[in-house]
Amino acid sequence: MNRCSQYFPAFALALAAWHGQAGAELTVRPFPPQALRGTMQITQPPDLLMNGKPERLSPGARIRGTNNMLVMSAALTGQSLVVNFVRESNGLVHEVWILNTAEAALRRGPTP
């Protein structure tokens, strides 16, 4: 009986996925040129503080975590996060990317 051989492909696949995630923290995602840098703190969704000033998320706003997966705003309540963000035409915060350490080290214009 060789039971190990039936589990080895699944183990190898899981190891490759883990290794890919560890390397993903050092990658820099492409952001739109109009994206601004700020420190975001969700107070009570959809309300937030951006660089200490009261703001609001737009209806349908998307917040992406460091792994580029969508994050619900309520899960971030109270956390102070360095982000890149884009506003919609009415001035509401519409797209947000929570930055990893490599992305946060890059220079980008602050909120006007």
N, C-alpha and C. Protein backbone atom coordinates (compact mmCIF):
# COMPACT_ATOMS: atom_id res chain seq x y z
N MET A 1 0.83 -1.18 0.00
CA MET A 1 0.00 0.00 0.00
C MET A 1 0.88 1.25 0.00
N ASN A 2 0.59 2.10 -0.91
CA ASN A 2 1.36 3.34 -1.00
C ASN A 2 0.39 4.51 -0.88
N ARG A 3 0.03 4.84 0.34
CA ARG A 3 -0.97 5.89 0.57
C ARG A 3 -0.41 7.28 0.33
N CYS A 4 0.86 7.44 0.54
CA CYS A 4 1.46 8.76 0.38
C CYS A 4 1.33 9.29 -1.05
N SER A 5 1.43 8.41 -2.01
CA SER A 5 1.39 8.87 -3.40
C SER A 5 0.03 9.45 -3.77
N GLN A 6 -1.05 9.03 -3.13
CA GLN A 6 -2.35 9.59 -3.47
C GLN A 6 -2.54 10.98 -2.87
N TYR A 7 -1.83 11.33 -1.79
CA TYR A 7 -1.96 12.64 -1.19
C TYR A 7 -0.89 13.63 -1.64
N PHE A 8 0.18 13.16 -2.25
CA PHE A 8 1.28 14.03 -2.64
C PHE A 8 0.86 15.12 -3.63
N PRO A 9 0.07 14.85 -4.68
CA PRO A 9 -0.32 15.93 -5.59
C PRO A 9 -1.08 17.06 -4.90
N ALA A 10 -1.96 16.73 -3.97
CA ALA A 10 -2.71 17.77 -3.25
C ALA A 10 -1.77 18.58 -2.36
N PHE A 11 -0.82 17.90 -1.71
CA PHE A 11 0.14 18.59 -0.86
C PHE A 11 1.02 19.52 -1.70
N ALA A 12 1.47 19.06 -2.84
CA ALA A 12 2.32 19.87 -3.72
C ALA A 12 1.57 21.10 -4.21
N LEU A 13 0.30 20.93 -4.54
CA LEU A 13 -0.51 22.05 -5.00
C LEU A 13 -0.72 23.07 -3.88
N ALA A 14 -0.99 22.61 -2.67
CA ALA A 14 -1.18 23.51 -1.53
C ALA A 14 0.11 24.26 -1.22
N LEU A 15 1.24 23.58 -1.31
CA LEU A 15 2.53 24.21 -1.07
C LEU A 15 2.82 25.29 -2.10
N ALA A 16 2.50 25.02 -3.36
CA ALA A 16 2.72 26.00 -4.42
C ALA A 16 1.82 27.22 -4.23
N ALA A 17 0.58 27.00 -3.80
CA ALA A 17 -0.33 28.12 -3.56
C ALA A 17 0.16 28.97 -2.40
N TRP A 18 0.63 28.33 -1.34
CA TRP A 18 1.16 29.07 -0.19
C TRP A 18 2.38 29.88 -0.59
N HIS A 19 3.26 29.30 -1.36
CA HIS A 19 4.47 30.00 -1.79
C HIS A 19 4.09 31.19 -2.68
N GLY A 20 3.08 31.04 -3.50
CA GLY A 20 2.63 32.14 -4.36
C GLY A 20 2.06 33.29 -3.55
N GLN A 21 1.36 32.99 -2.46
CA GLN A 21 0.81 34.04 -1.61
C GLN A 21 1.91 34.77 -0.86
N ALA A 22 2.92 34.06 -0.43
CA ALA A 22 4.01 34.70 0.30
C ALA A 22 4.75 35.67 -0.61
N GLY A 23 4.92 35.33 -1.87
CA GLY A 23 5.59 36.22 -2.81
C GLY A 23 4.70 37.37 -3.26
N ALA A 24 3.38 37.20 -3.16
CA ALA A 24 2.45 38.23 -3.60
C ALA A 24 2.53 39.47 -2.72
N GLU A 25 2.97 39.34 -1.47
CA GLU A 25 3.06 40.50 -0.60
C GLU A 25 4.13 41.48 -1.07
N LEU A 26 5.08 41.01 -1.86
CA LEU A 26 6.16 41.87 -2.31
C LEU A 26 5.88 42.48 -3.67
N THR A 27 4.81 42.07 -4.32
CA THR A 27 4.49 42.60 -5.63
C THR A 27 3.74 43.92 -5.51
N VAL A 28 3.82 44.71 -6.56
CA VAL A 28 3.15 46.00 -6.59
C VAL A 28 2.06 45.93 -7.66
N ARG A 29 0.83 46.17 -7.26
CA ARG A 29 -0.29 46.15 -8.21
C ARG A 29 -0.29 47.43 -9.03
N PRO A 30 -0.81 47.37 -10.25
CA PRO A 30 -0.94 48.60 -11.04
C PRO A 30 -2.17 49.39 -10.57
N PHE A 31 -1.95 50.65 -10.24
CA PHE A 31 -3.04 51.52 -9.79
C PHE A 31 -3.33 52.55 -10.86
N PRO A 32 -4.56 53.04 -10.95
CA PRO A 32 -4.88 54.09 -11.93
C PRO A 32 -4.05 55.34 -11.64
N PRO A 33 -3.70 56.10 -12.66
CA PRO A 33 -2.89 57.30 -12.45
C PRO A 33 -3.57 58.34 -11.56
N GLN A 34 -4.90 58.36 -11.53
CA GLN A 34 -5.62 59.35 -10.73
C GLN A 34 -5.78 58.91 -9.27
N ALA A 35 -5.29 57.73 -8.91
CA ALA A 35 -5.42 57.25 -7.53
C ALA A 35 -4.60 58.11 -6.58
N LEU A 36 -5.19 58.39 -5.43
CA LEU A 36 -4.55 59.20 -4.40
C LEU A 36 -4.15 58.31 -3.23
N ARG A 37 -3.24 58.79 -2.39
CA ARG A 37 -2.80 58.06 -1.22
C ARG A 37 -3.45 58.67 0.02
N GLY A 38 -3.81 57.84 0.96
CA GLY A 38 -4.39 58.34 2.19
C GLY A 38 -4.37 57.31 3.29
N THR A 39 -4.75 57.74 4.47
CA THR A 39 -4.93 56.85 5.61
C THR A 39 -6.42 56.79 5.88
N MET A 40 -6.98 55.59 5.76
CA MET A 40 -8.42 55.39 5.88
C MET A 40 -8.75 54.71 7.20
N GLN A 41 -9.82 55.18 7.80
CA GLN A 41 -10.36 54.53 8.98
C GLN A 41 -11.88 54.50 8.83
N ILE A 42 -12.44 53.31 8.76
CA ILE A 42 -13.90 53.15 8.66
C ILE A 42 -14.47 53.40 10.06
N THR A 43 -15.37 54.37 10.17
CA THR A 43 -15.98 54.66 11.47
C THR A 43 -17.26 53.85 11.63
N GLN A 44 -18.21 54.07 10.74
CA GLN A 44 -19.44 53.28 10.70
C GLN A 44 -19.88 53.26 9.24
N PRO A 45 -19.76 52.11 8.57
CA PRO A 45 -20.02 52.07 7.13
C PRO A 45 -21.36 52.69 6.78
N PRO A 46 -21.44 53.50 5.75
CA PRO A 46 -20.43 53.86 4.76
C PRO A 46 -19.58 55.08 5.13
N ASP A 47 -19.63 55.52 6.38
CA ASP A 47 -18.85 56.68 6.80
C ASP A 47 -17.42 56.26 7.14
N LEU A 48 -16.48 57.15 6.83
CA LEU A 48 -15.08 56.87 7.10
C LEU A 48 -14.33 58.17 7.31
N LEU A 49 -13.12 58.05 7.81
CA LEU A 49 -12.20 59.18 7.91
C LEU A 49 -11.07 58.92 6.92
N MET A 50 -10.81 59.90 6.05
CA MET A 50 -9.69 59.80 5.12
C MET A 50 -8.73 60.92 5.49
N ASN A 51 -7.57 60.56 5.99
CA ASN A 51 -6.59 61.52 6.50
C ASN A 51 -7.21 62.40 7.58
N GLY A 52 -8.08 61.80 8.40
CA GLY A 52 -8.69 62.52 9.51
C GLY A 52 -9.92 63.33 9.15
N LYS A 53 -10.28 63.40 7.87
CA LYS A 53 -11.45 64.18 7.45
C LYS A 53 -12.62 63.24 7.17
N PRO A 54 -13.84 63.63 7.56
CA PRO A 54 -15.01 62.78 7.30
C PRO A 54 -15.27 62.63 5.80
N GLU A 55 -15.47 61.41 5.37
CA GLU A 55 -15.78 61.08 3.97
C GLU A 55 -16.89 60.03 3.98
N ARG A 56 -17.27 59.62 2.78
CA ARG A 56 -18.32 58.61 2.65
C ARG A 56 -17.99 57.71 1.47
N LEU A 57 -18.26 56.41 1.62
CA LEU A 57 -18.12 55.47 0.51
C LEU A 57 -19.31 55.63 -0.43
N SER A 58 -19.06 55.50 -1.72
CA SER A 58 -20.13 55.57 -2.70
C SER A 58 -20.94 54.28 -2.68
N PRO A 59 -22.17 54.32 -3.16
CA PRO A 59 -22.91 53.07 -3.32
C PRO A 59 -22.16 52.18 -4.32
N GLY A 60 -21.90 50.96 -3.96
CA GLY A 60 -21.16 50.06 -4.83
C GLY A 60 -19.66 50.22 -4.73
N ALA A 61 -19.19 50.88 -3.70
CA ALA A 61 -17.74 51.06 -3.51
C ALA A 61 -17.08 49.70 -3.34
N ARG A 62 -15.83 49.61 -3.82
CA ARG A 62 -15.07 48.37 -3.70
C ARG A 62 -13.80 48.63 -2.90
N ILE A 63 -13.57 47.81 -1.90
CA ILE A 63 -12.35 47.87 -1.11
C ILE A 63 -11.61 46.57 -1.35
N ARG A 64 -10.37 46.67 -1.80
CA ARG A 64 -9.56 45.48 -2.06
C ARG A 64 -8.45 45.39 -1.03
N GLY A 65 -8.27 44.19 -0.48
CA GLY A 65 -7.23 43.95 0.51
C GLY A 65 -5.86 43.82 -0.13
N THR A 66 -4.86 43.50 0.66
CA THR A 66 -3.50 43.36 0.15
C THR A 66 -3.37 42.20 -0.82
N ASN A 67 -4.27 41.23 -0.74
CA ASN A 67 -4.27 40.10 -1.67
C ASN A 67 -5.18 40.35 -2.88
N ASN A 68 -5.67 41.58 -3.02
CA ASN A 68 -6.53 42.03 -4.12
C ASN A 68 -7.93 41.41 -4.09
N MET A 69 -8.30 40.79 -2.99
CA MET A 69 -9.65 40.25 -2.83
C MET A 69 -10.53 41.34 -2.20
N LEU A 70 -11.83 41.30 -2.50
CA LEU A 70 -12.75 42.28 -1.94
C LEU A 70 -12.88 42.10 -0.43
N VAL A 71 -12.95 43.23 0.27
CA VAL A 71 -13.09 43.24 1.73
C VAL A 71 -14.34 44.07 2.05
N MET A 72 -15.16 43.58 2.95
CA MET A 72 -16.34 44.32 3.37
C MET A 72 -15.92 45.45 4.32
N SER A 73 -16.53 46.61 4.14
CA SER A 73 -16.14 47.78 4.94
C SER A 73 -16.35 47.54 6.43
N ALA A 74 -17.39 46.82 6.81
CA ALA A 74 -17.66 46.58 8.24
C ALA A 74 -16.54 45.77 8.89
N ALA A 75 -15.85 44.95 8.12
CA ALA A 75 -14.75 44.15 8.68
C ALA A 75 -13.53 45.00 9.01
N LEU A 76 -13.49 46.23 8.52
CA LEU A 76 -12.35 47.11 8.73
C LEU A 76 -12.62 48.20 9.76
N THR A 77 -13.77 48.18 10.39
CA THR A 77 -14.16 49.23 11.33
C THR A 77 -13.11 49.42 12.42
N GLY A 78 -12.68 50.68 12.57
CA GLY A 78 -11.74 51.02 13.62
C GLY A 78 -10.27 50.89 13.25
N GLN A 79 -9.95 50.22 12.14
CA GLN A 79 -8.56 50.04 11.74
C GLN A 79 -8.08 51.26 10.96
N SER A 80 -6.85 51.65 11.16
CA SER A 80 -6.24 52.73 10.40
C SER A 80 -5.33 52.10 9.36
N LEU A 81 -5.67 52.29 8.07
CA LEU A 81 -4.98 51.60 6.98
C LEU A 81 -4.46 52.59 5.95
N VAL A 82 -3.26 52.31 5.43
CA VAL A 82 -2.71 53.10 4.34
C VAL A 82 -3.29 52.55 3.04
N VAL A 83 -3.89 53.45 2.24
CA VAL A 83 -4.62 53.02 1.05
C VAL A 83 -4.33 53.94 -0.13
N ASN A 84 -4.58 53.42 -1.31
CA ASN A 84 -4.75 54.24 -2.52
C ASN A 84 -6.24 54.23 -2.80
N PHE A 85 -6.77 55.35 -3.29
CA PHE A 85 -8.21 55.40 -3.53
C PHE A 85 -8.52 56.32 -4.71
N VAL A 86 -9.71 56.12 -5.26
CA VAL A 86 -10.23 56.91 -6.37
C VAL A 86 -11.62 57.38 -5.98
N ARG A 87 -11.92 58.61 -6.32
CA ARG A 87 -13.25 59.17 -6.06
C ARG A 87 -14.12 59.03 -7.30
N GLU A 88 -15.43 59.01 -7.10
CA GLU A 88 -16.38 59.05 -8.21
C GLU A 88 -16.66 60.50 -8.57
N SER A 89 -17.51 60.74 -9.54
CA SER A 89 -17.78 62.10 -10.03
C SER A 89 -18.42 63.00 -8.97
N ASN A 90 -19.14 62.42 -8.00
CA ASN A 90 -19.76 63.22 -6.94
C ASN A 90 -18.83 63.46 -5.76
N GLY A 91 -17.62 62.96 -5.82
CA GLY A 91 -16.64 63.18 -4.76
C GLY A 91 -16.61 62.10 -3.69
N LEU A 92 -17.46 61.07 -3.81
CA LEU A 92 -17.46 59.98 -2.83
C LEU A 92 -16.33 59.01 -3.14
N VAL A 93 -15.81 58.36 -2.12
CA VAL A 93 -14.73 57.38 -2.29
C VAL A 93 -15.33 56.13 -2.94
N HIS A 94 -14.78 55.74 -4.10
CA HIS A 94 -15.39 54.65 -4.87
C HIS A 94 -14.53 53.40 -4.94
N GLU A 95 -13.23 53.53 -5.17
CA GLU A 95 -12.31 52.39 -5.25
C GLU A 95 -11.24 52.58 -4.20
N VAL A 96 -10.97 51.53 -3.42
CA VAL A 96 -9.94 51.59 -2.39
C VAL A 96 -9.08 50.34 -2.49
N TRP A 97 -7.76 50.53 -2.39
CA TRP A 97 -6.81 49.42 -2.35
C TRP A 97 -6.01 49.54 -1.06
N ILE A 98 -6.11 48.55 -0.18
CA ILE A 98 -5.29 48.52 1.02
C ILE A 98 -3.89 48.10 0.59
N LEU A 99 -2.89 48.86 0.98
CA LEU A 99 -1.54 48.67 0.48
C LEU A 99 -0.72 47.69 1.32
N ASN A 100 0.09 46.89 0.62
CA ASN A 100 1.07 46.07 1.33
C ASN A 100 2.32 46.91 1.55
N THR A 101 3.33 46.37 2.18
CA THR A 101 4.51 47.15 2.55
C THR A 101 5.27 47.68 1.33
N ALA A 102 5.35 46.87 0.27
CA ALA A 102 6.06 47.31 -0.94
C ALA A 102 5.31 48.45 -1.63
N GLU A 103 3.99 48.38 -1.67
CA GLU A 103 3.19 49.43 -2.30
C GLU A 103 3.20 50.71 -1.47
N ALA A 104 3.17 50.57 -0.15
CA ALA A 104 3.17 51.74 0.72
C ALA A 104 4.49 52.49 0.64
N ALA A 105 5.57 51.81 0.29
CA ALA A 105 6.88 52.45 0.19
C ALA A 105 7.00 53.34 -1.04
N LEU A 106 6.17 53.10 -2.06
CA LEU A 106 6.21 53.92 -3.27
C LEU A 106 5.56 55.27 -3.03
N ARG A 107 6.09 56.30 -3.65
CA ARG A 107 5.53 57.64 -3.48
C ARG A 107 4.33 57.84 -4.38
N ARG A 108 3.33 58.52 -3.86
CA ARG A 108 2.13 58.86 -4.61
C ARG A 108 1.59 60.14 -3.99
N GLY A 109 0.89 60.91 -4.80
CA GLY A 109 0.36 62.17 -4.31
C GLY A 109 -0.65 61.99 -3.18
N PRO A 110 -0.63 62.87 -2.18
CA PRO A 110 -1.61 62.79 -1.09
C PRO A 110 -2.96 63.33 -1.51
N THR A 111 -3.92 63.22 -0.62
CA THR A 111 -5.25 63.76 -0.85
C THR A 111 -5.17 65.28 -1.00
N PRO A 112 -5.81 65.85 -2.01
CA PRO A 112 -5.77 67.32 -2.16
C PRO A 112 -6.55 68.01 -1.06
